[in-house]
């Protein structure tokens, strides 16, 4: 369990569908101004970050050296 700067408490649970960890808001802090903090819902969902990039990456330049 951890406490955010806004006063909300979060817990960590096993993730689903390829996400290793889910961060879930356990209790909303009494003075929390964030409307996106809802008790019982995940705070961070990194499943998008675990997917391969949709844009082509620049080609690696193995012969490039800094002077």
Protein backbone atom coordinates (compact mmCIF):
# COMPACT_ATOMS: atom_id res chain seq x y z
CA UNK A 1 0.00 0.00 0.00
CA UNK A 2 1.19 3.52 -0.76
CA UNK A 3 -0.13 7.06 -0.31
CA UNK A 4 -0.20 9.59 -3.15
CA UNK A 5 0.61 13.28 -2.64
CA UNK A 6 -3.11 14.13 -2.91
CA UNK A 7 -3.90 11.91 0.10
CA UNK A 8 -5.33 8.93 -1.80
CA UNK A 9 -4.17 5.42 -0.89
CA UNK A 10 -3.30 2.90 -3.62
CA UNK A 11 -2.77 -0.86 -3.57
CA UNK A 12 -0.98 -3.12 -6.03
CA UNK A 13 -2.66 -6.18 -7.54
CA UNK A 14 -1.77 -8.74 -10.16
CA UNK A 15 -2.46 -7.36 -13.61
CA UNK A 16 -4.52 -8.80 -16.43
CA UNK A 17 -3.93 -9.43 -20.14
CA UNK A 18 -0.20 -8.83 -20.22
CA UNK A 19 -0.03 -6.06 -17.63
CA UNK A 20 2.25 -7.27 -14.79
CA UNK A 21 0.90 -4.98 -12.04
CA UNK A 22 -2.32 -3.03 -11.56
CA UNK A 23 -2.33 0.06 -9.33
CA UNK A 24 -5.79 0.40 -7.80
CA UNK A 25 -7.10 3.33 -5.75
CA UNK A 26 -8.02 1.84 -2.35
CA UNK A 27 -9.35 5.04 -0.71
CA UNK A 28 -9.83 8.54 -2.10
CA UNK A 29 -8.27 11.25 0.06
CA UNK A 30 -10.71 13.74 1.63
CA UNK A 31 -8.98 16.74 0.02
CA UNK A 32 -8.10 15.15 -3.34
CA UNK A 33 -8.90 17.57 -6.18
CA UNK A 34 -8.55 14.95 -8.96
CA UNK A 35 -11.87 13.87 -10.45
CA UNK A 36 -10.17 10.90 -12.12
CA UNK A 37 -9.38 9.30 -8.73
CA UNK A 38 -12.28 6.91 -8.05
CA UNK A 39 -12.01 4.34 -5.25
CA UNK A 40 -11.76 0.78 -6.55
CA UNK A 41 -10.66 1.71 -10.08
CA UNK A 42 -7.15 1.34 -11.55
CA UNK A 43 -5.02 4.49 -11.52
CA UNK A 44 -2.37 3.42 -14.03
CA UNK A 45 -2.95 1.06 -16.95
CA UNK A 46 0.28 0.26 -18.75
CA UNK A 47 -1.12 -2.27 -21.22
CA UNK A 48 -0.77 0.30 -24.02
CA UNK A 49 2.88 0.84 -23.10
CA UNK A 50 3.63 -2.88 -23.37
CA UNK A 51 2.43 -3.07 -26.98
CA UNK A 52 4.90 -2.71 -29.86
CA UNK A 53 5.28 0.77 -31.36
CA UNK A 54 2.80 1.62 -34.12
CA UNK A 55 5.16 4.14 -35.75
CA UNK A 56 8.29 2.98 -37.54
CA UNK A 57 11.43 3.49 -35.47
CA UNK A 58 14.49 5.20 -36.99
CA UNK A 59 17.10 2.85 -38.39
CA UNK A 60 20.00 2.12 -36.07
CA UNK A 61 23.30 3.60 -37.25
CA UNK A 62 26.06 1.29 -36.09
CA UNK A 63 28.87 3.29 -37.76
CA UNK A 64 27.90 6.61 -36.09
CA UNK A 65 30.42 8.00 -33.60
CA UNK A 66 30.52 11.23 -31.62
CA UNK A 67 33.59 13.42 -31.91
